[in-house]
Amino acid sequence: FTPSVSGASIGFSLDWKVWKKIWFIT
């Protein structure tokens, strides 16, 4: 017996952090 779902909507949340160093400043 195989139930199936197709095209279901799925949602995520996430935290991000980025950095860039220019000379001696980050």
mmCIF file of all heavy atoms, coordinates in Angstrom:
data_MODEL
# 
_entry.id   MODEL 
# 
loop_
_atom_site.group_PDB 
_atom_site.id 
_atom_site.type_symbol 
_atom_site.label_atom_id 
_atom_site.label_alt_id 
_atom_site.label_comp_id 
_atom_site.label_asym_id 
_atom_site.label_entity_id 
_atom_site.label_seq_id 
_atom_site.pdbx_PDB_ins_code 
_atom_site.Cartn_x 
_atom_site.Cartn_y 
_atom_site.Cartn_z 
_atom_site.occupancy 
_atom_site.B_iso_or_equiv 
_atom_site.pdbx_formal_charge 
_atom_site.auth_seq_id 
_atom_site.auth_comp_id 
_atom_site.auth_asym_id 
_atom_site.auth_atom_id 
_atom_site.pdbx_PDB_model_num 
ATOM 1   N N   . PHE A 1 1  ? 0.861  -1.178 0.000  1.00 0.00 ? 1  PHE A N   1 
ATOM 2   C CA  . PHE A 1 1  ? 0.000  0.000  0.000  1.00 0.00 ? 1  PHE A CA  1 
ATOM 3   C C   . PHE A 1 1  ? 0.898  1.230  0.000  1.00 0.00 ? 1  PHE A C   1 
ATOM 4   O O   . PHE A 1 1  ? 1.734  1.397  0.883  1.00 0.00 ? 1  PHE A O   1 
ATOM 5   C CB  . PHE A 1 1  ? -0.897 -0.022 1.242  1.00 0.00 ? 1  PHE A CB  1 
ATOM 6   C CG  . PHE A 1 1  ? -1.692 1.243  1.469  1.00 0.00 ? 1  PHE A CG  1 
ATOM 7   C CD1 . PHE A 1 1  ? -2.595 1.700  0.519  1.00 0.00 ? 1  PHE A CD1 1 
ATOM 8   C CD2 . PHE A 1 1  ? -1.546 1.963  2.653  1.00 0.00 ? 1  PHE A CD2 1 
ATOM 9   C CE1 . PHE A 1 1  ? -3.340 2.859  0.741  1.00 0.00 ? 1  PHE A CE1 1 
ATOM 10  C CE2 . PHE A 1 1  ? -2.280 3.110  2.884  1.00 0.00 ? 1  PHE A CE2 1 
ATOM 11  C CZ  . PHE A 1 1  ? -3.183 3.559  1.920  1.00 0.00 ? 1  PHE A CZ  1 
ATOM 12  N N   . THR A 1 2  ? 0.738  2.104  -1.000 1.00 0.00 ? 2  THR A N   1 
ATOM 13  C CA  . THR A 1 2  ? 1.626  3.258  -1.147 1.00 0.00 ? 2  THR A CA  1 
ATOM 14  C C   . THR A 1 2  ? 0.806  4.543  -1.196 1.00 0.00 ? 2  THR A C   1 
ATOM 15  O O   . THR A 1 2  ? 0.240  4.886  -2.235 1.00 0.00 ? 2  THR A O   1 
ATOM 16  C CB  . THR A 1 2  ? 2.478  3.159  -2.419 1.00 0.00 ? 2  THR A CB  1 
ATOM 17  O OG1 . THR A 1 2  ? 3.195  1.918  -2.420 1.00 0.00 ? 2  THR A OG1 1 
ATOM 18  C CG2 . THR A 1 2  ? 3.473  4.313  -2.491 1.00 0.00 ? 2  THR A CG2 1 
ATOM 19  N N   . PRO A 1 3  ? 0.718  5.275  -0.072 1.00 0.00 ? 3  PRO A N   1 
ATOM 20  C CA  . PRO A 1 3  ? 0.125  6.612  -0.136 1.00 0.00 ? 3  PRO A CA  1 
ATOM 21  C C   . PRO A 1 3  ? 1.153  7.584  -0.705 1.00 0.00 ? 3  PRO A C   1 
ATOM 22  O O   . PRO A 1 3  ? 2.369  7.381  -0.560 1.00 0.00 ? 3  PRO A O   1 
ATOM 23  C CB  . PRO A 1 3  ? -0.184 6.923  1.335  1.00 0.00 ? 3  PRO A CB  1 
ATOM 24  C CG  . PRO A 1 3  ? 0.814  6.128  2.110  1.00 0.00 ? 3  PRO A CG  1 
ATOM 25  C CD  . PRO A 1 3  ? 1.104  4.897  1.288  1.00 0.00 ? 3  PRO A CD  1 
ATOM 26  N N   . SER A 1 4  ? 0.703  8.627  -1.351 1.00 0.00 ? 4  SER A N   1 
ATOM 27  C CA  . SER A 1 4  ? 1.653  9.579  -1.932 1.00 0.00 ? 4  SER A CA  1 
ATOM 28  C C   . SER A 1 4  ? 1.093  10.988 -1.859 1.00 0.00 ? 4  SER A C   1 
ATOM 29  O O   . SER A 1 4  ? -0.115 11.206 -1.846 1.00 0.00 ? 4  SER A O   1 
ATOM 30  C CB  . SER A 1 4  ? 1.952  9.218  -3.395 1.00 0.00 ? 4  SER A CB  1 
ATOM 31  O OG  . SER A 1 4  ? 0.786  9.298  -4.183 1.00 0.00 ? 4  SER A OG  1 
ATOM 32  N N   . VAL A 1 5  ? 2.008  11.942 -1.793 1.00 0.00 ? 5  VAL A N   1 
ATOM 33  C CA  . VAL A 1 5  ? 1.660  13.351 -1.825 1.00 0.00 ? 5  VAL A CA  1 
ATOM 34  C C   . VAL A 1 5  ? 2.566  14.014 -2.850 1.00 0.00 ? 5  VAL A C   1 
ATOM 35  O O   . VAL A 1 5  ? 3.766  13.742 -2.906 1.00 0.00 ? 5  VAL A O   1 
ATOM 36  C CB  . VAL A 1 5  ? 1.809  14.014 -0.429 1.00 0.00 ? 5  VAL A CB  1 
ATOM 37  C CG1 . VAL A 1 5  ? 3.193  13.792 0.150  1.00 0.00 ? 5  VAL A CG1 1 
ATOM 38  C CG2 . VAL A 1 5  ? 1.506  15.491 -0.490 1.00 0.00 ? 5  VAL A CG2 1 
ATOM 39  N N   . SER A 1 6  ? 1.978  14.833 -3.676 1.00 0.00 ? 6  SER A N   1 
ATOM 40  C CA  . SER A 1 6  ? 2.779  15.519 -4.690 1.00 0.00 ? 6  SER A CA  1 
ATOM 41  C C   . SER A 1 6  ? 2.438  17.006 -4.682 1.00 0.00 ? 6  SER A C   1 
ATOM 42  O O   . SER A 1 6  ? 1.291  17.401 -4.459 1.00 0.00 ? 6  SER A O   1 
ATOM 43  C CB  . SER A 1 6  ? 2.514  14.925 -6.079 1.00 0.00 ? 6  SER A CB  1 
ATOM 44  O OG  . SER A 1 6  ? 1.145  15.030 -6.423 1.00 0.00 ? 6  SER A OG  1 
ATOM 45  N N   . GLY A 1 7  ? 3.450  17.813 -4.921 1.00 0.00 ? 7  GLY A N   1 
ATOM 46  C CA  . GLY A 1 7  ? 3.249  19.256 -4.976 1.00 0.00 ? 7  GLY A CA  1 
ATOM 47  C C   . GLY A 1 7  ? 2.877  19.888 -3.657 1.00 0.00 ? 7  GLY A C   1 
ATOM 48  O O   . GLY A 1 7  ? 2.255  20.957 -3.624 1.00 0.00 ? 7  GLY A O   1 
ATOM 49  N N   . ALA A 1 8  ? 3.226  19.255 -2.540 1.00 0.00 ? 8  ALA A N   1 
ATOM 50  C CA  . ALA A 1 8  ? 2.931  19.834 -1.230 1.00 0.00 ? 8  ALA A CA  1 
ATOM 51  C C   . ALA A 1 8  ? 3.868  21.008 -0.968 1.00 0.00 ? 8  ALA A C   1 
ATOM 52  O O   . ALA A 1 8  ? 5.047  20.971 -1.326 1.00 0.00 ? 8  ALA A O   1 
ATOM 53  C CB  . ALA A 1 8  ? 3.101  18.783 -0.138 1.00 0.00 ? 8  ALA A CB  1 
ATOM 54  N N   . SER A 1 9  ? 3.325  22.031 -0.344 1.00 0.00 ? 9  SER A N   1 
ATOM 55  C CA  . SER A 1 9  ? 4.173  23.183 -0.028 1.00 0.00 ? 9  SER A CA  1 
ATOM 56  C C   . SER A 1 9  ? 4.946  22.910 1.253  1.00 0.00 ? 9  SER A C   1 
ATOM 57  O O   . SER A 1 9  ? 4.431  22.329 2.203  1.00 0.00 ? 9  SER A O   1 
ATOM 58  C CB  . SER A 1 9  ? 3.313  24.437 0.130  1.00 0.00 ? 9  SER A CB  1 
ATOM 59  O OG  . SER A 1 9  ? 2.411  24.301 1.208  1.00 0.00 ? 9  SER A OG  1 
ATOM 60  N N   . ILE A 1 10 ? 6.187  23.338 1.246  1.00 0.00 ? 10 ILE A N   1 
ATOM 61  C CA  . ILE A 1 10 ? 7.060  23.118 2.388  1.00 0.00 ? 10 ILE A CA  1 
ATOM 62  C C   . ILE A 1 10 ? 7.808  24.413 2.654  1.00 0.00 ? 10 ILE A C   1 
ATOM 63  O O   . ILE A 1 10 ? 8.177  25.146 1.722  1.00 0.00 ? 10 ILE A O   1 
ATOM 64  C CB  . ILE A 1 10 ? 8.017  21.939 2.115  1.00 0.00 ? 10 ILE A CB  1 
ATOM 65  C CG1 . ILE A 1 10 ? 8.764  21.515 3.371  1.00 0.00 ? 10 ILE A CG1 1 
ATOM 66  C CG2 . ILE A 1 10 ? 8.999  22.257 0.987  1.00 0.00 ? 10 ILE A CG2 1 
ATOM 67  C CD1 . ILE A 1 10 ? 9.491  20.186 3.199  1.00 0.00 ? 10 ILE A CD1 1 
ATOM 68  N N   . GLY A 1 11 ? 7.980  24.760 3.916  1.00 0.00 ? 11 GLY A N   1 
ATOM 69  C CA  . GLY A 1 11 ? 8.626  26.024 4.264  1.00 0.00 ? 11 GLY A CA  1 
ATOM 70  C C   . GLY A 1 11 ? 9.741  25.836 5.275  1.00 0.00 ? 11 GLY A C   1 
ATOM 71  O O   . GLY A 1 11 ? 9.688  24.958 6.129  1.00 0.00 ? 11 GLY A O   1 
ATOM 72  N N   . PHE A 1 12 ? 10.765 26.683 5.166  1.00 0.00 ? 12 PHE A N   1 
ATOM 73  C CA  . PHE A 1 12 ? 11.913 26.633 6.065  1.00 0.00 ? 12 PHE A CA  1 
ATOM 74  C C   . PHE A 1 12 ? 12.222 28.042 6.550  1.00 0.00 ? 12 PHE A C   1 
ATOM 75  O O   . PHE A 1 12 ? 11.915 29.038 5.886  1.00 0.00 ? 12 PHE A O   1 
ATOM 76  C CB  . PHE A 1 12 ? 13.157 26.076 5.352  1.00 0.00 ? 12 PHE A CB  1 
ATOM 77  C CG  . PHE A 1 12 ? 12.996 24.705 4.785  1.00 0.00 ? 12 PHE A CG  1 
ATOM 78  C CD1 . PHE A 1 12 ? 12.510 24.530 3.496  1.00 0.00 ? 12 PHE A CD1 1 
ATOM 79  C CD2 . PHE A 1 12 ? 13.341 23.597 5.526  1.00 0.00 ? 12 PHE A CD2 1 
ATOM 80  C CE1 . PHE A 1 12 ? 12.371 23.280 2.965  1.00 0.00 ? 12 PHE A CE1 1 
ATOM 81  C CE2 . PHE A 1 12 ? 13.209 22.332 4.990  1.00 0.00 ? 12 PHE A CE2 1 
ATOM 82  C CZ  . PHE A 1 12 ? 12.717 22.163 3.712  1.00 0.00 ? 12 PHE A CZ  1 
ATOM 83  N N   . SER A 1 13 ? 12.833 28.100 7.698  1.00 0.00 ? 13 SER A N   1 
ATOM 84  C CA  . SER A 1 13 ? 13.435 29.350 8.163  1.00 0.00 ? 13 SER A CA  1 
ATOM 85  C C   . SER A 1 13 ? 14.894 29.069 8.470  1.00 0.00 ? 13 SER A C   1 
ATOM 86  O O   . SER A 1 13 ? 15.279 27.928 8.747  1.00 0.00 ? 13 SER A O   1 
ATOM 87  C CB  . SER A 1 13 ? 12.718 29.880 9.403  1.00 0.00 ? 13 SER A CB  1 
ATOM 88  O OG  . SER A 1 13 ? 12.908 29.010 10.510 1.00 0.00 ? 13 SER A OG  1 
ATOM 89  N N   . LEU A 1 14 ? 15.731 30.127 8.425  1.00 0.00 ? 14 LEU A N   1 
ATOM 90  C CA  . LEU A 1 14 ? 17.152 29.942 8.692  1.00 0.00 ? 14 LEU A CA  1 
ATOM 91  C C   . LEU A 1 14 ? 17.756 31.257 9.176  1.00 0.00 ? 14 LEU A C   1 
ATOM 92  O O   . LEU A 1 14 ? 17.197 32.345 8.959  1.00 0.00 ? 14 LEU A O   1 
ATOM 93  C CB  . LEU A 1 14 ? 17.876 29.445 7.435  1.00 0.00 ? 14 LEU A CB  1 
ATOM 94  C CG  . LEU A 1 14 ? 17.790 30.322 6.176  1.00 0.00 ? 14 LEU A CG  1 
ATOM 95  C CD1 . LEU A 1 14 ? 18.906 31.361 6.152  1.00 0.00 ? 14 LEU A CD1 1 
ATOM 96  C CD2 . LEU A 1 14 ? 17.847 29.450 4.932  1.00 0.00 ? 14 LEU A CD2 1 
ATOM 97  N N   . ASP A 1 15 ? 18.854 31.126 9.860  1.00 0.00 ? 15 ASP A N   1 
ATOM 98  C CA  . ASP A 1 15 ? 19.637 32.300 10.268 1.00 0.00 ? 15 ASP A CA  1 
ATOM 99  C C   . ASP A 1 15 ? 20.911 32.334 9.421  1.00 0.00 ? 15 ASP A C   1 
ATOM 100 O O   . ASP A 1 15 ? 21.502 31.292 9.129  1.00 0.00 ? 15 ASP A O   1 
ATOM 101 C CB  . ASP A 1 15 ? 20.012 32.198 11.756 1.00 0.00 ? 15 ASP A CB  1 
ATOM 102 C CG  . ASP A 1 15 ? 18.779 32.205 12.659 1.00 0.00 ? 15 ASP A CG  1 
ATOM 103 O OD1 . ASP A 1 15 ? 17.791 32.884 12.303 1.00 0.00 ? 15 ASP A OD1 1 
ATOM 104 O OD2 . ASP A 1 15 ? 18.807 31.518 13.699 1.00 0.00 ? 15 ASP A OD2 1 
ATOM 105 N N   . TRP A 1 16 ? 21.294 33.538 9.038  1.00 0.00 ? 16 TRP A N   1 
ATOM 106 C CA  . TRP A 1 16 ? 22.504 33.674 8.231  1.00 0.00 ? 16 TRP A CA  1 
ATOM 107 C C   . TRP A 1 16 ? 23.438 34.716 8.830  1.00 0.00 ? 16 TRP A C   1 
ATOM 108 O O   . TRP A 1 16 ? 23.011 35.606 9.572  1.00 0.00 ? 16 TRP A O   1 
ATOM 109 C CB  . TRP A 1 16 ? 22.183 34.039 6.789  1.00 0.00 ? 16 TRP A CB  1 
ATOM 110 C CG  . TRP A 1 16 ? 21.337 35.292 6.630  1.00 0.00 ? 16 TRP A CG  1 
ATOM 111 C CD1 . TRP A 1 16 ? 19.992 35.369 6.490  1.00 0.00 ? 16 TRP A CD1 1 
ATOM 112 C CD2 . TRP A 1 16 ? 21.820 36.642 6.597  1.00 0.00 ? 16 TRP A CD2 1 
ATOM 113 N NE1 . TRP A 1 16 ? 19.575 36.667 6.374  1.00 0.00 ? 16 TRP A NE1 1 
ATOM 114 C CE2 . TRP A 1 16 ? 20.696 37.480 6.439  1.00 0.00 ? 16 TRP A CE2 1 
ATOM 115 C CE3 . TRP A 1 16 ? 23.082 37.246 6.691  1.00 0.00 ? 16 TRP A CE3 1 
ATOM 116 C CZ2 . TRP A 1 16 ? 20.783 38.863 6.369  1.00 0.00 ? 16 TRP A CZ2 1 
ATOM 117 C CZ3 . TRP A 1 16 ? 23.162 38.628 6.630  1.00 0.00 ? 16 TRP A CZ3 1 
ATOM 118 C CH2 . TRP A 1 16 ? 22.023 39.427 6.464  1.00 0.00 ? 16 TRP A CH2 1 
ATOM 119 N N   . LYS A 1 17 ? 24.698 34.577 8.493  1.00 0.00 ? 17 LYS A N   1 
ATOM 120 C CA  . LYS A 1 17 ? 25.724 35.550 8.901  1.00 0.00 ? 17 LYS A CA  1 
ATOM 121 C C   . LYS A 1 17 ? 26.762 35.593 7.778  1.00 0.00 ? 17 LYS A C   1 
ATOM 122 O O   . LYS A 1 17 ? 27.183 34.545 7.282  1.00 0.00 ? 17 LYS A O   1 
ATOM 123 C CB  . LYS A 1 17 ? 26.371 35.139 10.213 1.00 0.00 ? 17 LYS A CB  1 
ATOM 124 C CG  . LYS A 1 17 ? 27.438 36.120 10.699 1.00 0.00 ? 17 LYS A CG  1 
ATOM 125 C CD  . LYS A 1 17 ? 28.150 35.596 11.938 1.00 0.00 ? 17 LYS A CD  1 
ATOM 126 C CE  . LYS A 1 17 ? 27.196 35.522 13.128 1.00 0.00 ? 17 LYS A CE  1 
ATOM 127 N NZ  . LYS A 1 17 ? 27.922 35.137 14.373 1.00 0.00 ? 17 LYS A NZ  1 
ATOM 128 N N   . VAL A 1 18 ? 27.136 36.804 7.376  1.00 0.00 ? 18 VAL A N   1 
ATOM 129 C CA  . VAL A 1 18 ? 28.166 36.970 6.336  1.00 0.00 ? 18 VAL A CA  1 
ATOM 130 C C   . VAL A 1 18 ? 29.205 37.988 6.831  1.00 0.00 ? 18 VAL A C   1 
ATOM 131 O O   . VAL A 1 18 ? 28.921 38.817 7.699  1.00 0.00 ? 18 VAL A O   1 
ATOM 132 C CB  . VAL A 1 18 ? 27.548 37.440 5.003  1.00 0.00 ? 18 VAL A CB  1 
ATOM 133 C CG1 . VAL A 1 18 ? 26.589 36.402 4.441  1.00 0.00 ? 18 VAL A CG1 1 
ATOM 134 C CG2 . VAL A 1 18 ? 26.838 38.772 5.167  1.00 0.00 ? 18 VAL A CG2 1 
ATOM 135 N N   . TRP A 1 19 ? 30.390 37.890 6.275  1.00 0.00 ? 19 TRP A N   1 
ATOM 136 C CA  . TRP A 1 19 ? 31.434 38.863 6.618  1.00 0.00 ? 19 TRP A CA  1 
ATOM 137 C C   . TRP A 1 19 ? 32.341 39.077 5.408  1.00 0.00 ? 19 TRP A C   1 
ATOM 138 O O   . TRP A 1 19 ? 32.442 38.203 4.533  1.00 0.00 ? 19 TRP A O   1 
ATOM 139 C CB  . TRP A 1 19 ? 32.231 38.396 7.831  1.00 0.00 ? 19 TRP A CB  1 
ATOM 140 C CG  . TRP A 1 19 ? 32.788 37.016 7.709  1.00 0.00 ? 19 TRP A CG  1 
ATOM 141 C CD1 . TRP A 1 19 ? 33.971 36.661 7.173  1.00 0.00 ? 19 TRP A CD1 1 
ATOM 142 C CD2 . TRP A 1 19 ? 32.148 35.821 8.145  1.00 0.00 ? 19 TRP A CD2 1 
ATOM 143 N NE1 . TRP A 1 19 ? 34.151 35.318 7.242  1.00 0.00 ? 19 TRP A NE1 1 
ATOM 144 C CE2 . TRP A 1 19 ? 33.038 34.763 7.849  1.00 0.00 ? 19 TRP A CE2 1 
ATOM 145 C CE3 . TRP A 1 19 ? 30.940 35.538 8.783  1.00 0.00 ? 19 TRP A CE3 1 
ATOM 146 C CZ2 . TRP A 1 19 ? 32.742 33.448 8.150  1.00 0.00 ? 19 TRP A CZ2 1 
ATOM 147 C CZ3 . TRP A 1 19 ? 30.657 34.230 9.080  1.00 0.00 ? 19 TRP A CZ3 1 
ATOM 148 C CH2 . TRP A 1 19 ? 31.540 33.193 8.758  1.00 0.00 ? 19 TRP A CH2 1 
ATOM 149 N N   . LYS A 1 20 ? 32.940 40.247 5.414  1.00 0.00 ? 20 LYS A N   1 
ATOM 150 C CA  . LYS A 1 20 ? 33.856 40.602 4.330  1.00 0.00 ? 20 LYS A CA  1 
ATOM 151 C C   . LYS A 1 20 ? 34.952 41.476 4.909  1.00 0.00 ? 20 LYS A C   1 
ATOM 152 O O   . LYS A 1 20 ? 34.678 42.443 5.624  1.00 0.00 ? 20 LYS A O   1 
ATOM 153 C CB  . LYS A 1 20 ? 33.107 41.355 3.225  1.00 0.00 ? 20 LYS A CB  1 
ATOM 154 C CG  . LYS A 1 20 ? 33.987 41.699 2.023  1.00 0.00 ? 20 LYS A CG  1 
ATOM 155 C CD  . LYS A 1 20 ? 33.158 42.379 0.959  1.00 0.00 ? 20 LYS A CD  1 
ATOM 156 C CE  . LYS A 1 20 ? 34.015 42.694 -0.261 1.00 0.00 ? 20 LYS A CE  1 
ATOM 157 N NZ  . LYS A 1 20 ? 33.236 43.371 -1.314 1.00 0.00 ? 20 LYS A NZ  1 
ATOM 158 N N   . LYS A 1 21 ? 36.168 41.122 4.599  1.00 0.00 ? 21 LYS A N   1 
ATOM 159 C CA  . LYS A 1 21 ? 37.297 41.857 5.153  1.00 0.00 ? 21 LYS A CA  1 
ATOM 160 C C   . LYS A 1 21 ? 37.879 42.789 4.086  1.00 0.00 ? 21 LYS A C   1 
ATOM 161 O O   . LYS A 1 21 ? 38.209 42.370 2.986  1.00 0.00 ? 21 LYS A O   1 
ATOM 162 C CB  . LYS A 1 21 ? 38.380 40.890 5.632  1.00 0.00 ? 21 LYS A CB  1 
ATOM 163 C CG  . LYS A 1 21 ? 39.464 41.555 6.461  1.00 0.00 ? 21 LYS A CG  1 
ATOM 164 C CD  . LYS A 1 21 ? 40.362 40.523 7.096  1.00 0.00 ? 21 LYS A CD  1 
ATOM 165 C CE  . LYS A 1 21 ? 41.391 41.183 8.006  1.00 0.00 ? 21 LYS A CE  1 
ATOM 166 N NZ  . LYS A 1 21 ? 42.274 40.191 8.656  1.00 0.00 ? 21 LYS A NZ  1 
ATOM 167 N N   . ILE A 1 22 ? 37.874 44.067 4.428  1.00 0.00 ? 22 ILE A N   1 
ATOM 168 C CA  . ILE A 1 22 ? 38.482 45.072 3.552  1.00 0.00 ? 22 ILE A CA  1 
ATOM 169 C C   . ILE A 1 22 ? 39.646 45.711 4.326  1.00 0.00 ? 22 ILE A C   1 
ATOM 170 O O   . ILE A 1 22 ? 39.433 46.413 5.303  1.00 0.00 ? 22 ILE A O   1 
ATOM 171 C CB  . ILE A 1 22 ? 37.451 46.144 3.142  1.00 0.00 ? 22 ILE A CB  1 
ATOM 172 C CG1 . ILE A 1 22 ? 36.245 45.478 2.438  1.00 0.00 ? 22 ILE A CG1 1 
ATOM 173 C CG2 . ILE A 1 22 ? 38.087 47.172 2.236  1.00 0.00 ? 22 ILE A CG2 1 
ATOM 174 C CD1 . ILE A 1 22 ? 35.157 46.446 2.096  1.00 0.00 ? 22 ILE A CD1 1 
ATOM 175 N N   . TRP A 1 23 ? 40.855 45.395 3.835  1.00 0.00 ? 23 TRP A N   1 
ATOM 176 C CA  . TRP A 1 23 ? 42.064 45.799 4.546  1.00 0.00 ? 23 TRP A CA  1 
ATOM 177 C C   . TRP A 1 23 ? 42.009 45.260 5.964  1.00 0.00 ? 23 TRP A C   1 
ATOM 178 O O   . TRP A 1 23 ? 41.971 44.081 6.182  1.00 0.00 ? 23 TRP A O   1 
ATOM 179 C CB  . TRP A 1 23 ? 42.237 47.321 4.539  1.00 0.00 ? 23 TRP A CB  1 
ATOM 180 C CG  . TRP A 1 23 ? 42.451 47.864 3.141  1.00 0.00 ? 23 TRP A CG  1 
ATOM 181 C CD1 . TRP A 1 23 ? 41.524 48.444 2.330  1.00 0.00 ? 23 TRP A CD1 1 
ATOM 182 C CD2 . TRP A 1 23 ? 43.677 47.859 2.436  1.00 0.00 ? 23 TRP A CD2 1 
ATOM 183 N NE1 . TRP A 1 23 ? 42.065 48.803 1.130  1.00 0.00 ? 23 TRP A NE1 1 
ATOM 184 C CE2 . TRP A 1 23 ? 43.431 48.450 1.170  1.00 0.00 ? 23 TRP A CE2 1 
ATOM 185 C CE3 . TRP A 1 23 ? 44.987 47.419 2.699  1.00 0.00 ? 23 TRP A CE3 1 
ATOM 186 C CZ2 . TRP A 1 23 ? 44.410 48.613 0.199  1.00 0.00 ? 23 TRP A CZ2 1 
ATOM 187 C CZ3 . TRP A 1 23 ? 45.951 47.599 1.739  1.00 0.00 ? 23 TRP A CZ3 1 
ATOM 188 C CH2 . TRP A 1 23 ? 45.654 48.180 0.498  1.00 0.00 ? 23 TRP A CH2 1 
ATOM 189 N N   . PHE A 1 24 ? 41.987 46.120 6.911  1.00 0.00 ? 24 PHE A N   1 
ATOM 190 C CA  . PHE A 1 24 ? 41.989 45.670 8.297  1.00 0.00 ? 24 PHE A CA  1 
ATOM 191 C C   . PHE A 1 24 ? 40.599 45.775 8.932  1.00 0.00 ? 24 PHE A C   1 
ATOM 192 O O   . PHE A 1 24 ? 40.436 45.601 10.128 1.00 0.00 ? 24 PHE A O   1 
ATOM 193 C CB  . PHE A 1 24 ? 42.994 46.494 9.128  1.00 0.00 ? 24 PHE A CB  1 
ATOM 194 C CG  . PHE A 1 24 ? 42.762 47.971 9.033  1.00 0.00 ? 24 PHE A CG  1 
ATOM 195 C CD1 . PHE A 1 24 ? 41.853 48.607 9.881  1.00 0.00 ? 24 PHE A CD1 1 
ATOM 196 C CD2 . PHE A 1 24 ? 43.453 48.727 8.077  1.00 0.00 ? 24 PHE A CD2 1 
ATOM 197 C CE1 . PHE A 1 24 ? 41.669 49.957 9.764  1.00 0.00 ? 24 PHE A CE1 1 
ATOM 198 C CE2 . PHE A 1 24 ? 43.235 50.084 7.978  1.00 0.00 ? 24 PHE A CE2 1 
ATOM 199 C CZ  . PHE A 1 24 ? 42.352 50.713 8.825  1.00 0.00 ? 24 PHE A CZ  1 
ATOM 200 N N   . ILE A 1 25 ? 39.589 46.069 8.105  1.00 0.00 ? 25 ILE A N   1 
ATOM 201 C CA  . ILE A 1 25 ? 38.215 46.184 8.625  1.00 0.00 ? 25 ILE A CA  1 
ATOM 202 C C   . ILE A 1 25 ? 37.399 44.981 8.139  1.00 0.00 ? 25 ILE A C   1 
ATOM 203 O O   . ILE A 1 25 ? 37.406 44.655 6.956  1.00 0.00 ? 25 ILE A O   1 
ATOM 204 C CB  . ILE A 1 25 ? 37.551 47.491 8.153  1.00 0.00 ? 25 ILE A CB  1 
ATOM 205 C CG1 . ILE A 1 25 ? 38.359 48.694 8.642  1.00 0.00 ? 25 ILE A CG1 1 
ATOM 206 C CG2 . ILE A 1 25 ? 36.111 47.553 8.633  1.00 0.00 ? 25 ILE A CG2 1 
ATOM 207 C CD1 . ILE A 1 25 ? 37.840 49.998 8.096  1.00 0.00 ? 25 ILE A CD1 1 
ATOM 208 N N   . THR A 1 26 ? 36.687 44.359 9.058  1.00 0.00 ? 26 THR A N   1 
ATOM 209 C CA  . THR A 1 26 ? 35.795 43.243 8.716  1.00 0.00 ? 26 THR A CA  1 
ATOM 210 C C   . THR A 1 26 ? 34.343 43.710 8.824  1.00 0.00 ? 26 THR A C   1 
ATOM 211 O O   . THR A 1 26 ? 33.875 44.120 9.899  1.00 0.00 ? 26 THR A O   1 
ATOM 212 C CB  . THR A 1 26 ? 36.021 42.056 9.659  1.00 0.00 ? 26 THR A CB  1 
ATOM 213 O OG1 . THR A 1 26 ? 37.378 41.616 9.565  1.00 0.00 ? 26 THR A OG1 1 
ATOM 214 C CG2 . THR A 1 26 ? 35.098 40.902 9.285  1.00 0.00 ? 26 THR A CG2 1 
# 
